Amino acid sequence: MEPLSTIRLGISRCLLGHPVRYDGGHKHDPFLTQTLGQYVHYVPVCPEVECGLPVPREAMRLVRTPQGVRLVTQKTGIDHTDRMLAWAAPRLDALEEEGLCGFIFKSKSPSSGMERVKIYGDTGQVVDHGSGIFAGLFMARFPLLPVEEEGRLHDPLLRENFIDRIFCLQRFRESVEKEPSLGALVQFHACHKLQILSHSTEHYRALGRLVAHAKGQPLAEVVRAYRELLLAALRLKATVPKNRNVLQHIMGYFKLDLTHEEKRELEDIIRQYARGILPLIVPVTLLSHYARKYEVRYLLEQTYLNPHPLELKLRNHA
């Protein structure tokens, strides 16, 4: 695949270290700014400041009322829901023009929390959980776009899955949507087969059928359907059993090349990965070595072996 242009991600502004929170502070996340930030361009958003509220300001929370869930100040009970909604509509239009590959939200925020945000009743007790006002609107507007919270990104599997998705989406946009053609779609699918398989066997088969029967169909509809299926597949986590299946599938390409000892070593490494002893990077590195050594072109073109920069160390955890 060709080198990618910079990925554009929306992000809650406070995570970049901007002092925009209700208390005048921030929630700077070093991984997002110093590590992932080397490979993405952030489009910062602070719903509360951008809709006209000051810094500092009274803390707010979500409250369930007969009129629905409202964004209300904690002490004085001022309802800022309508203000937030009026600001959000044109802001979402502007974000659509940004070409975002995803969004990273601030957890627990009544405006920007992705999930599990506390919703209070009229007695002051927590009665439910949901999404922040802006985060909910964003996800409804862009239902397949990769989204995460900074807290969940501390989980290695969730972090890898999110970054896997944003890099794959950027490749799709540049190699297929930028200059759409059936040939570009076929090439993209060929290079991403094993990556898709590591997420979902069902979607892998469905995407294969879609591409196989694409000839003669309206190209725009095929590309749209493929994109939706692809993003739906990547939302499913690439678990250890799924990865083991892909690793064994790749190993089959070397059955006539490897010595008996090399096969035993590779099988043992895959077993140790499946048992949680070795990280995924170990069998992937060895398989990549054999792909280069025996010049297996199909494998050398597979994004599964190199889906994102090694410097992110996403496959280094056991």
C-alpha atoms as a PDB file:
ATOM      1  CA  MET A   1       0.000   0.000   0.000  1.00  0.00           C
ATOM      2  CA  GLU A   2       1.098   3.578  -0.659  1.00  0.00           C
ATOM      3  CA  PRO A   3       2.122   5.777   2.324  1.00  0.00           C
ATOM      4  CA  LEU A   4      -0.886   7.384   3.956  1.00  0.00           C
ATOM      5  CA  SER A   5      -1.695  11.035   4.282  1.00  0.00           C
ATOM      6  CA  THR A   6      -2.100  12.273   7.855  1.00  0.00           C
ATOM      7  CA  ILE A   7      -5.166  10.823   9.557  1.00  0.00           C
ATOM      8  CA  ARG A   8      -7.585  13.433  10.900  1.00  0.00           C
ATOM      9  CA  LEU A   9      -9.199  12.689  14.253  1.00  0.00           C
ATOM     10  CA  GLY A  10     -11.685  14.679  16.270  1.00  0.00           C
ATOM     11  CA  ILE A  11     -10.791  14.914  19.946  1.00  0.00           C
ATOM     12  CA  SER A  12     -12.063  16.477  23.145  1.00  0.00           C
ATOM     13  CA  ARG A  13      -9.939  19.598  23.493  1.00  0.00           C
ATOM     14  CA  CYS A  14      -9.055  19.037  27.162  1.00  0.00           C
ATOM     15  CA  LEU A  15      -7.235  15.799  26.264  1.00  0.00           C
ATOM     16  CA  LEU A  16      -4.677  17.875  24.363  1.00  0.00           C
ATOM     17  CA  GLY A  17      -3.877  19.849  27.510  1.00  0.00           C
ATOM     18  CA  HIS A  18      -6.055  22.873  26.772  1.00  0.00           C
ATOM     19  CA  PRO A  19      -7.425  24.424  30.005  1.00  0.00           C
ATOM     20  CA  VAL A  20     -11.092  24.369  29.013  1.00  0.00           C
ATOM     21  CA  ARG A  21     -12.691  22.237  31.717  1.00  0.00           C
ATOM     22  CA  TYR A  22     -15.313  23.618  34.098  1.00  0.00           C
ATOM     23  CA  ASP A  23     -12.650  24.165  36.799  1.00  0.00           C
ATOM     24  CA  GLY A  24     -10.170  25.775  34.408  1.00  0.00           C
ATOM     25  CA  GLY A  25      -8.051  22.632  34.212  1.00  0.00           C
ATOM     26  CA  HIS A  26      -7.357  20.034  31.546  1.00  0.00           C
ATOM     27  CA  LYS A  27      -6.997  16.248  31.170  1.00  0.00           C
ATOM     28  CA  HIS A  28      -3.848  16.020  29.068  1.00  0.00           C
ATOM     29  CA  ASP A  29      -3.203  12.483  27.826  1.00  0.00           C
ATOM     30  CA  PRO A  30       0.484  11.915  26.923  1.00  0.00           C
ATOM     31  CA  PHE A  31      -0.206   8.843  24.764  1.00  0.00           C
ATOM     32  CA  LEU A  32      -2.607  10.792  22.593  1.00  0.00           C
ATOM     33  CA  THR A  33      -0.356  13.827  22.173  1.00  0.00           C
ATOM     34  CA  GLN A  34       3.147  12.355  22.208  1.00  0.00           C
ATOM     35  CA  THR A  35       2.689   8.868  20.726  1.00  0.00           C
ATOM     36  CA  LEU A  36      -0.429   8.664  18.582  1.00  0.00           C
ATOM     37  CA  GLY A  37      -0.109  12.377  17.881  1.00  0.00           C
ATOM     38  CA  GLN A  38       2.908  11.687  15.665  1.00  0.00           C
ATOM     39  CA  TYR A  39       0.639   9.972  13.128  1.00  0.00           C
ATOM     40  CA  VAL A  40      -2.593  11.964  13.270  1.00  0.00           C
ATOM     41  CA  HIS A  41      -3.839  15.529  12.978  1.00  0.00           C
ATOM     42  CA  TYR A  42      -6.279  16.383  15.743  1.00  0.00           C
ATOM     43  CA  VAL A  43      -9.385  18.501  15.240  1.00  0.00           C
ATOM     44  CA  PRO A  44     -10.120  19.683  18.806  1.00  0.00           C
ATOM     45  CA  VAL A  45     -13.666  20.243  20.024  1.00  0.00           C
ATOM     46  CA  CYS A  46     -14.941  21.513  23.375  1.00  0.00           C
ATOM     47  CA  PRO A  47     -18.755  21.606  23.216  1.00  0.00           C
ATOM     48  CA  GLU A  48     -19.212  23.571  26.424  1.00  0.00           C
ATOM     49  CA  VAL A  49     -16.778  26.363  25.546  1.00  0.00           C
ATOM     50  CA  GLU A  50     -17.740  26.450  21.872  1.00  0.00           C
ATOM     51  CA  CYS A  51     -21.440  26.830  22.692  1.00  0.00           C
ATOM     52  CA  GLY A  52     -20.596  29.957  24.659  1.00  0.00           C
ATOM     53  CA  LEU A  53     -20.027  28.877  28.268  1.00  0.00           C
ATOM     54  CA  PRO A  54     -17.111  30.468  30.169  1.00  0.00           C
ATOM     55  CA  VAL A  55     -14.003  28.991  31.797  1.00  0.00           C
ATOM     56  CA  PRO A  56     -14.287  28.385  34.687  1.00  0.00           C
ATOM     57  CA  ARG A  57     -18.000  27.596  34.898  1.00  0.00           C
ATOM     58  CA  GLU A  58     -20.456  25.752  37.074  1.00  0.00           C
ATOM     59  CA  ALA A  59     -20.230  21.973  36.737  1.00  0.00           C
ATOM     60  CA  MET A  60     -23.060  20.289  34.851  1.00  0.00           C
ATOM     61  CA  ARG A  61     -24.684  16.885  34.758  1.00  0.00           C
ATOM     62  CA  LEU A  62     -27.329  14.990  32.822  1.00  0.00           C
ATOM     63  CA  VAL A  63     -30.788  14.945  34.398  1.00  0.00           C
ATOM     64  CA  ARG A  64     -33.775  12.876  33.326  1.00  0.00           C
ATOM     65  CA  THR A  65     -36.922  15.008  33.102  1.00  0.00           C
ATOM     66  CA  PRO A  66     -40.392  14.560  31.569  1.00  0.00           C
ATOM     67  CA  GLN A  67     -38.963  16.390  28.531  1.00  0.00           C
ATOM     68  CA  GLY A  68     -36.090  13.912  28.226  1.00  0.00           C
ATOM     69  CA  VAL A  69     -32.441  13.952  29.324  1.00  0.00           C
ATOM     70  CA  ARG A  70     -31.256  17.521  29.873  1.00  0.00           C
ATOM     71  CA  LEU A  71     -27.878  19.180  30.466  1.00  0.00           C
ATOM     72  CA  VAL A  72     -28.257  21.063  33.739  1.00  0.00           C
ATOM     73  CA  THR A  73     -25.901  22.937  36.068  1.00  0.00           C
ATOM     74  CA  GLN A  74     -25.424  21.104  39.361  1.00  0.00           C
ATOM     75  CA  LYS A  75     -26.084  23.902  41.876  1.00  0.00           C
ATOM     76  CA  THR A  76     -28.278  26.486  40.161  1.00  0.00           C
ATOM     77  CA  GLY A  77     -30.201  24.095  37.920  1.00  0.00           C
ATOM     78  CA  ILE A  78     -29.766  26.143  34.735  1.00  0.00           C
ATOM     79  CA  ASP A  79     -30.688  24.080  31.653  1.00  0.00           C
ATOM     80  CA  HIS A  80     -28.130  24.483  28.844  1.00  0.00           C
ATOM     81  CA  THR A  81     -29.547  21.745  26.600  1.00  0.00           C
ATOM     82  CA  ASP A  82     -31.068  24.036  23.973  1.00  0.00           C
ATOM     83  CA  ARG A  83     -27.894  26.111  23.806  1.00  0.00           C
ATOM     84  CA  MET A  84     -25.852  22.934  23.234  1.00  0.00           C
ATOM     85  CA  LEU A  85     -28.228  21.595  20.577  1.00  0.00           C
ATOM     86  CA  ALA A  86     -28.288  24.902  18.669  1.00  0.00           C
ATOM     87  CA  TRP A  87     -24.483  24.939  18.582  1.00  0.00           C
ATOM     88  CA  ALA A  88     -24.119  21.234  17.730  1.00  0.00           C
ATOM     89  CA  ALA A  89     -26.080  21.183  14.465  1.00  0.00           C
ATOM     90  CA  PRO A  90     -23.759  23.496  12.455  1.00  0.00           C
ATOM     91  CA  ARG A  91     -20.686  22.113  14.269  1.00  0.00           C
ATOM     92  CA  LEU A  92     -21.507  18.600  13.096  1.00  0.00           C
ATOM     93  CA  ASP A  93     -21.922  19.941   9.552  1.00  0.00           C
ATOM     94  CA  ALA A  94     -18.458  21.480   9.792  1.00  0.00           C
ATOM     95  CA  LEU A  95     -16.948  18.269  11.191  1.00  0.00           C
ATOM     96  CA  GLU A  96     -18.398  16.312   8.265  1.00  0.00           C
ATOM     97  CA  GLU A  97     -16.282  18.504   5.982  1.00  0.00           C
ATOM     98  CA  GLU A  98     -13.148  17.713   8.000  1.00  0.00           C
ATOM     99  CA  GLY A  99     -12.887  14.154   6.664  1.00  0.00           C
ATOM    100  CA  LEU A 100     -12.457  12.674  10.132  1.00  0.00           C
ATOM    101  CA  CYS A 101     -11.454   9.028  10.535  1.00  0.00           C
ATOM    102  CA  GLY A 102     -12.707   8.916  14.109  1.00  0.00           C
ATOM    103  CA  PHE A 103     -13.181  10.776  17.379  1.00  0.00           C
ATOM    104  CA  ILE A 104     -11.672  10.425  20.863  1.00  0.00           C
ATOM    105  CA  PHE A 105     -14.065  11.611  23.570  1.00  0.00           C
ATOM    106  CA  LYS A 106     -13.518  12.593  27.204  1.00  0.00           C
ATOM    107  CA  SER A 107     -14.966   9.933  29.451  1.00  0.00           C
ATOM    108  CA  LYS A 108     -17.703  10.740  31.993  1.00  0.00           C
ATOM    109  CA  SER A 109     -18.318  14.184  30.506  1.00  0.00           C
ATOM    110  CA  PRO A 110     -22.016  15.214  30.363  1.00  0.00           C
ATOM    111  CA  SER A 111     -21.323  16.719  26.944  1.00  0.00           C
ATOM    112  CA  SER A 112     -18.578  14.477  25.536  1.00  0.00           C
ATOM    113  CA  GLY A 113     -18.723  11.124  27.317  1.00  0.00           C
ATOM    114  CA  MET A 114     -19.134   8.246  24.862  1.00  0.00           C
ATOM    115  CA  GLU A 115     -20.925   5.908  27.271  1.00  0.00           C
ATOM    116  CA  ARG A 116     -21.610   5.212  30.957  1.00  0.00           C
ATOM    117  CA  VAL A 117     -22.208   8.901  31.723  1.00  0.00           C
ATOM    118  CA  LYS A 118     -24.337   9.209  34.861  1.00  0.00           C
ATOM    119  CA  ILE A 119     -27.923  10.374  34.412  1.00  0.00           C
ATOM    120  CA  TYR A 120     -29.592  11.722  37.529  1.00  0.00           C
ATOM    121  CA  GLY A 121     -33.226  11.772  38.561  1.00  0.00           C
ATOM    122  CA  ASP A 122     -35.138  14.642  40.178  1.00  0.00           C
ATOM    123  CA  THR A 123     -34.154  13.374  43.623  1.00  0.00           C
ATOM    124  CA  GLY A 124     -30.440  13.605  42.875  1.00  0.00           C
ATOM    125  CA  GLN A 125     -29.912   9.867  42.579  1.00  0.00           C
ATOM    126  CA  VAL A 126     -28.302   8.171  39.567  1.00  0.00           C
ATOM    127  CA  VAL A 127     -31.126   6.525  37.603  1.00  0.00           C
ATOM    128  CA  ASP A 128     -29.395   5.542  34.392  1.00  0.00           C
ATOM    129  CA  HIS A 129     -26.279   5.860  32.232  1.00  0.00           C
ATOM    130  CA  GLY A 130     -25.866   7.100  28.669  1.00  0.00           C
ATOM    131  CA  SER A 131     -23.846   9.300  26.325  1.00  0.00           C
ATOM    132  CA  GLY A 132     -22.980  12.966  26.711  1.00  0.00           C
ATOM    133  CA  ILE A 133     -25.171  15.338  24.700  1.00  0.00           C
ATOM    134  CA  PHE A 134     -22.618  16.134  21.981  1.00  0.00           C
ATOM    135  CA  ALA A 135     -21.108  12.631  21.868  1.00  0.00           C
ATOM    136  CA  GLY A 136     -24.559  11.123  21.365  1.00  0.00           C
ATOM    137  CA  LEU A 137     -25.324  13.526  18.525  1.00  0.00           C
ATOM    138  CA  PHE A 138     -21.957  12.828  16.896  1.00  0.00           C
ATOM    139  CA  MET A 139     -22.402   9.057  17.021  1.00  0.00           C
ATOM    140  CA  ALA A 140     -25.938   9.320  15.655  1.00  0.00           C
ATOM    141  CA  ARG A 141     -24.696  11.487  12.765  1.00  0.00           C
ATOM    142  CA  PHE A 142     -21.690   9.224  12.009  1.00  0.00           C
ATOM    143  CA  PRO A 143     -22.777   5.779  13.255  1.00  0.00           C
ATOM    144  CA  LEU A 144     -19.942   3.769  11.660  1.00  0.00           C
ATOM    145  CA  LEU A 145     -17.098   6.179  12.319  1.00  0.00           C
ATOM    146  CA  PRO A 146     -14.590   4.793  14.870  1.00  0.00           C
ATOM    147  CA  VAL A 147     -15.030   6.436  18.282  1.00  0.00           C
ATOM    148  CA  GLU A 148     -13.417   5.841  21.661  1.00  0.00           C
ATOM    149  CA  GLU A 149     -12.844   7.421  25.054  1.00  0.00           C
ATOM    150  CA  GLU A 150      -9.401   8.193  26.421  1.00  0.00           C
ATOM    151  CA  GLY A 151     -10.019   5.957  29.435  1.00  0.00           C
ATOM    152  CA  ARG A 152     -10.875   2.912  27.334  1.00  0.00           C
ATOM    153  CA  LEU A 153      -7.764   3.480  25.236  1.00  0.00           C
ATOM    154  CA  HIS A 154      -5.676   2.408  28.219  1.00  0.00           C
ATOM    155  CA  ASP A 155      -6.924  -1.120  27.500  1.00  0.00           C
ATOM    156  CA  PRO A 156      -4.376  -2.615  25.022  1.00  0.00           C
ATOM    157  CA  LEU A 157      -7.009  -4.540  23.012  1.00  0.00           C
ATOM    158  CA  LEU A 158      -9.361  -1.563  22.722  1.00  0.00           C
ATOM    159  CA  ARG A 159      -6.444   0.705  21.811  1.00  0.00           C
ATOM    160  CA  GLU A 160      -5.243  -1.631  19.083  1.00  0.00           C
ATOM    161  CA  ASN A 161      -8.759  -2.099  17.724  1.00  0.00           C
ATOM    162  CA  PHE A 162      -9.416   1.647  17.510  1.00  0.00           C
ATOM    163  CA  ILE A 163      -6.107   2.423  15.804  1.00  0.00           C
ATOM    164  CA  ASP A 164      -6.543  -0.566  13.495  1.00  0.00           C
ATOM    165  CA  ARG A 165      -9.863   0.920  12.383  1.00  0.00           C
ATOM    166  CA  ILE A 166      -8.693   4.474  11.767  1.00  0.00           C
ATOM    167  CA  PHE A 167      -5.689   3.400   9.692  1.00  0.00           C
ATOM    168  CA  CYS A 168      -7.808   1.005   7.648  1.00  0.00           C
ATOM    169  CA  LEU A 169     -10.455   3.659   7.015  1.00  0.00           C
ATOM    170  CA  GLN A 170      -7.792   6.110   5.854  1.00  0.00           C
ATOM    171  CA  ARG A 171      -6.391   3.517   3.438  1.00  0.00           C
ATOM    172  CA  PHE A 172      -9.882   2.872   2.069  1.00  0.00           C
ATOM    173  CA  ARG A 173     -10.495   6.560   1.501  1.00  0.00           C
ATOM    174  CA  GLU A 174      -7.195   7.080  -0.266  1.00  0.00           C
ATOM    175  CA  SER A 175      -7.071   3.909  -2.352  1.00  0.00           C
ATOM    176  CA  VAL A 176     -10.770   3.484  -3.208  1.00  0.00           C
ATOM    177  CA  GLU A 177     -12.904   6.541  -2.481  1.00  0.00           C
ATOM    178  CA  LYS A 178     -10.429   9.134  -3.762  1.00  0.00           C
ATOM    179  CA  GLU A 179     -10.570   7.769  -7.327  1.00  0.00           C
ATOM    180  CA  PRO A 180     -13.250   5.052  -7.271  1.00  0.00           C
ATOM    181  CA  SER A 181     -12.904   2.088  -9.602  1.00  0.00           C
ATOM    182  CA  LEU A 182     -13.717  -1.586  -9.422  1.00  0.00           C
ATOM    183  CA  GLY A 183     -10.042  -2.380  -9.818  1.00  0.00           C
ATOM    184  CA  ALA A 184      -9.127  -0.233  -6.815  1.00  0.00           C
ATOM    185  CA  LEU A 185     -11.790  -1.927  -4.718  1.00  0.00           C
ATOM    186  CA  VAL A 186     -10.624  -5.401  -5.756  1.00  0.00           C
ATOM    187  CA  GLN A 187      -7.017  -4.484  -4.928  1.00  0.00           C
ATOM    188  CA  PHE A 188      -7.980  -3.044  -1.545  1.00  0.00           C
ATOM    189  CA  HIS A 189      -9.957  -6.138  -0.643  1.00  0.00           C
ATOM    190  CA  ALA A 190      -7.139  -8.438  -1.728  1.00  0.00           C
ATOM    191  CA  CYS A 191      -4.681  -6.635   0.550  1.00  0.00           C
ATOM    192  CA  HIS A 192      -7.037  -6.535   3.541  1.00  0.00           C
ATOM    193  CA  LYS A 193      -8.449 -10.059   3.475  1.00  0.00           C
ATOM    194  CA  LEU A 194      -6.511 -11.367   6.455  1.00  0.00           C
ATOM    195  CA  GLN A 195      -6.997  -8.200   8.464  1.00  0.00           C
ATOM    196  CA  ILE A 196     -10.757  -8.475   7.961  1.00  0.00           C
ATOM    197  CA  LEU A 197     -10.655 -12.194   8.793  1.00  0.00           C
ATOM    198  CA  SER A 198      -8.959 -11.385  12.116  1.00  0.00           C
ATOM    199  CA  HIS A 199     -12.044  -9.375  13.061  1.00  0.00           C
ATOM    200  CA  SER A 200     -14.953 -11.368  11.619  1.00  0.00           C
ATOM    201  CA  THR A 201     -15.276 -14.517   9.538  1.00  0.00           C
ATOM    202  CA  GLU A 202     -18.875 -13.610   8.697  1.00  0.00           C
ATOM    203  CA  HIS A 203     -17.963 -10.160   7.361  1.00  0.00           C
ATOM    204  CA  TYR A 204     -14.933 -11.590   5.572  1.00  0.00           C
ATOM    205  CA  ARG A 205     -17.227 -13.861   3.577  1.00  0.00           C
ATOM    206  CA  ALA A 206     -19.838 -11.155   2.985  1.00  0.00           C
ATOM    207  CA  LEU A 207     -17.237  -8.702   1.674  1.00  0.00           C
ATOM    208  CA  GLY A 208     -15.787 -11.395  -0.564  1.00  0.00           C
ATOM    209  CA  ARG A 209     -19.214 -12.055  -2.063  1.00  0.00           C
ATOM    210  CA  LEU A 210     -19.807  -8.325  -2.535  1.00  0.00           C
ATOM    211  CA  VAL A 211     -16.576  -7.880  -4.487  1.00  0.00           C
ATOM    212  CA  ALA A 212     -17.091 -11.081  -6.492  1.00  0.00           C
ATOM    213  CA  HIS A 213     -20.500  -9.894  -7.715  1.00  0.00           C
ATOM    214  CA  ALA A 214     -19.637  -6.203  -8.102  1.00  0.00           C
ATOM    215  CA  LYS A 215     -19.118  -6.224 -11.855  1.00  0.00           C
ATOM    216  CA  GLY A 216     -22.074  -4.635 -13.619  1.00  0.00           C
ATOM    217  CA  GLN A 217     -23.423  -3.092 -10.403  1.00  0.00           C
ATOM    218  CA  PRO A 218     -23.501   0.699  -9.797  1.00  0.00           C
ATOM    219  CA  LEU A 219     -19.992   1.451  -8.519  1.00  0.00           C
ATOM    220  CA  ALA A 220     -21.059   4.091  -5.999  1.00  0.00           C
ATOM    221  CA  GLU A 221     -23.495   1.667  -4.371  1.00  0.00           C
ATOM    222  CA  VAL A 222     -20.904  -1.110  -4.248  1.00  0.00           C
ATOM    223  CA  VAL A 223     -18.296   1.176  -2.662  1.00  0.00           C
ATOM    224  CA  ARG A 224     -20.812   2.452  -0.092  1.00  0.00           C
ATOM    225  CA  ALA A 225     -21.940  -1.084   0.794  1.00  0.00           C
ATOM    226  CA  TYR A 226     -18.336  -2.274   1.059  1.00  0.00           C
ATOM    227  CA  ARG A 227     -17.390   0.633   3.318  1.00  0.00           C
ATOM    228  CA  GLU A 228     -20.308  -0.048   5.654  1.00  0.00           C
ATOM    229  CA  LEU A 229     -19.525  -3.757   5.885  1.00  0.00           C
ATOM    230  CA  LEU A 230     -15.819  -3.059   6.363  1.00  0.00           C
ATOM    231  CA  LEU A 231     -16.374  -0.646   9.246  1.00  0.00           C
ATOM    232  CA  ALA A 232     -18.915  -3.002  10.821  1.00  0.00           C
ATOM    233  CA  ALA A 233     -16.349  -5.810  10.649  1.00  0.00           C
ATOM    234  CA  LEU A 234     -13.587  -3.723  12.200  1.00  0.00           C
ATOM    235  CA  ARG A 235     -15.818  -2.759  15.132  1.00  0.00           C
ATOM    236  CA  LEU A 236     -15.524  -6.394  16.248  1.00  0.00           C
ATOM    237  CA  LYS A 237     -12.365  -7.057  18.231  1.00  0.00           C
ATOM    238  CA  ALA A 238      -9.535  -9.123  16.801  1.00  0.00           C
ATOM    239  CA  THR A 239      -9.372 -11.628  19.672  1.00  0.00           C
ATOM    240  CA  VAL A 240      -6.669 -14.166  20.429  1.00  0.00           C
ATOM    241  CA  PRO A 241      -8.629 -17.105  18.885  1.00  0.00           C
ATOM    242  CA  LYS A 242      -9.319 -15.070  15.737  1.00  0.00           C
ATOM    243  CA  ASN A 243      -5.674 -14.069  15.446  1.00  0.00           C
ATOM    244  CA  ARG A 244      -4.564 -17.642  15.998  1.00  0.00           C
ATOM    245  CA  ASN A 245      -6.796 -18.732  13.130  1.00  0.00           C
ATOM    246  CA  VAL A 246      -5.184 -16.145  10.841  1.00  0.00           C
ATOM    247  CA  LEU A 247      -1.662 -17.055  11.956  1.00  0.00           C
ATOM    248  CA  GLN A 248      -2.277 -20.737  11.197  1.00  0.00           C
ATOM    249  CA  HIS A 249      -3.788 -19.744   7.852  1.00  0.00           C
ATOM    250  CA  ILE A 250      -0.620 -17.797   6.986  1.00  0.00           C
ATOM    251  CA  MET A 251       1.559 -20.690   8.108  1.00  0.00           C
ATOM    252  CA  GLY A 252      -0.091 -22.847   5.450  1.00  0.00           C
ATOM    253  CA  TYR A 253       1.606 -20.778   2.741  1.00  0.00           C
ATOM    254  CA  PHE A 254       4.981 -22.151   3.857  1.00  0.00           C
ATOM    255  CA  LYS A 255       4.131 -25.851   4.145  1.00  0.00           C
ATOM    256  CA  LEU A 256       6.445 -26.725   1.240  1.00  0.00           C
ATOM    257  CA  ASP A 257       9.233 -24.370   2.289  1.00  0.00           C
ATOM    258  CA  LEU A 258       9.839 -24.753   6.015  1.00  0.00           C
ATOM    259  CA  THR A 259      11.943 -27.507   7.469  1.00  0.00           C
ATOM    260  CA  HIS A 260      10.424 -29.830  10.049  1.00  0.00           C
ATOM    261  CA  GLU A 261      12.242 -27.950  12.814  1.00  0.00           C
ATOM    262  CA  GLU A 262      11.062 -24.563  11.524  1.00  0.00           C
ATOM    263  CA  LYS A 263       7.461 -25.773  11.422  1.00  0.00           C
ATOM    264  CA  ARG A 264       7.675 -27.056  14.989  1.00  0.00           C
ATOM    265  CA  GLU A 265       9.175 -23.772  16.179  1.00  0.00           C
ATOM    266  CA  LEU A 266       6.462 -21.740  14.432  1.00  0.00           C
ATOM    267  CA  GLU A 267       3.682 -23.964  15.760  1.00  0.00           C
ATOM    268  CA  ASP A 268       5.114 -23.645  19.272  1.00  0.00           C
ATOM    269  CA  ILE A 269       5.296 -19.840  19.027  1.00  0.00           C
ATOM    270  CA  ILE A 270       1.680 -19.653  17.861  1.00  0.00           C
ATOM    271  CA  ARG A 271       0.627 -21.911  20.759  1.00  0.00           C
ATOM    272  CA  GLN A 272       2.506 -19.709  23.229  1.00  0.00           C
ATOM    273  CA  TYR A 273       0.749 -16.652  21.813  1.00  0.00           C
ATOM    274  CA  ALA A 274      -2.623 -18.394  22.181  1.00  0.00           C
ATOM    275  CA  ARG A 275      -1.780 -19.184  25.831  1.00  0.00           C
ATOM    276  CA  GLY A 276      -0.923 -15.550  26.563  1.00  0.00           C
ATOM    277  CA  ILE A 277       2.796 -16.191  27.039  1.00  0.00           C
ATOM    278  CA  LEU A 278       4.021 -14.328  23.951  1.00  0.00           C
ATOM    279  CA  PRO A 279       2.675 -11.114  22.392  1.00  0.00           C
ATOM    280  CA  LEU A 280       1.217 -11.125  18.890  1.00  0.00           C
ATOM    281  CA  ILE A 281       4.236  -9.276  17.500  1.00  0.00           C
ATOM    282  CA  VAL A 282       6.397 -12.429  17.914  1.00  0.00           C
ATOM    283  CA  PRO A 283       4.563 -14.817  15.533  1.00  0.00           C
ATOM    284  CA  VAL A 284       3.749 -11.916  13.176  1.00  0.00           C
ATOM    285  CA  THR A 285       7.428 -10.958  12.949  1.00  0.00           C
ATOM    286  CA  LEU A 286       8.476 -14.527  12.229  1.00  0.00           C
ATOM    287  CA  LEU A 287       5.784 -14.982   9.587  1.00  0.00           C
ATOM    288  CA  SER A 288       6.762 -11.670   8.002  1.00  0.00           C
ATOM    289  CA  HIS A 289      10.345 -12.917   7.853  1.00  0.00           C
ATOM    290  CA  TYR A 290       9.295 -16.098   6.048  1.00  0.00           C
ATOM    291  CA  ALA A 291       7.087 -14.109   3.668  1.00  0.00           C
ATOM    292  CA  ARG A 292      10.110 -12.043   2.639  1.00  0.00           C
ATOM    293  CA  LYS A 293      12.490 -14.994   2.590  1.00  0.00           C
ATOM    294  CA  TYR A 294      10.287 -17.086   0.307  1.00  0.00           C
ATOM    295  CA  GLU A 295       8.890 -14.084  -1.585  1.00  0.00           C
ATOM    296  CA  VAL A 296       5.231 -14.899  -1.018  1.00  0.00           C
ATOM    297  CA  ARG A 297       3.792 -11.844  -2.755  1.00  0.00           C
ATOM    298  CA  TYR A 298       0.242 -12.373  -1.494  1.00  0.00           C
ATOM    299  CA  LEU A 299       1.417 -12.246   2.121  1.00  0.00           C
ATOM    300  CA  LEU A 300       3.803  -9.342   1.552  1.00  0.00           C
ATOM    301  CA  GLU A 301       0.817  -7.286   0.407  1.00  0.00           C
ATOM    302  CA  GLN A 302      -1.353  -8.197   3.394  1.00  0.00           C
ATOM    303  CA  THR A 303      -1.991  -5.300   5.759  1.00  0.00           C
ATOM    304  CA  TYR A 304      -2.512  -7.794   8.587  1.00  0.00           C
ATOM    305  CA  LEU A 305       1.242  -8.149   8.902  1.00  0.00           C
ATOM    306  CA  ASN A 306       1.733  -4.383   9.138  1.00  0.00           C
ATOM    307  CA  PRO A 307      -1.585  -2.582   9.803  1.00  0.00           C
ATOM    308  CA  HIS A 308      -0.112   0.417  11.652  1.00  0.00           C
ATOM    309  CA  PRO A 309       3.310   1.856  12.598  1.00  0.00           C
ATOM    310  CA  LEU A 310       5.441  -0.516  14.665  1.00  0.00           C
ATOM    311  CA  GLU A 311       6.450   2.433  16.830  1.00  0.00           C
ATOM    312  CA  LEU A 312       2.970   2.399  18.387  1.00  0.00           C
ATOM    313  CA  LYS A 313       3.823  -1.035  19.887  1.00  0.00           C
ATOM    314  CA  LEU A 314       0.203  -2.129  19.746  1.00  0.00           C
ATOM    315  CA  ARG A 315       0.992  -5.814  19.378  1.00  0.00           C
ATOM    316  CA  ASN A 316       3.639  -5.941  22.098  1.00  0.00           C
ATOM    317  CA  HIS A 317       1.343  -6.899  24.984  1.00  0.00           C
ATOM    318  CA  ALA A 318       0.840 -10.532  26.029  1.00  0.00           C
END
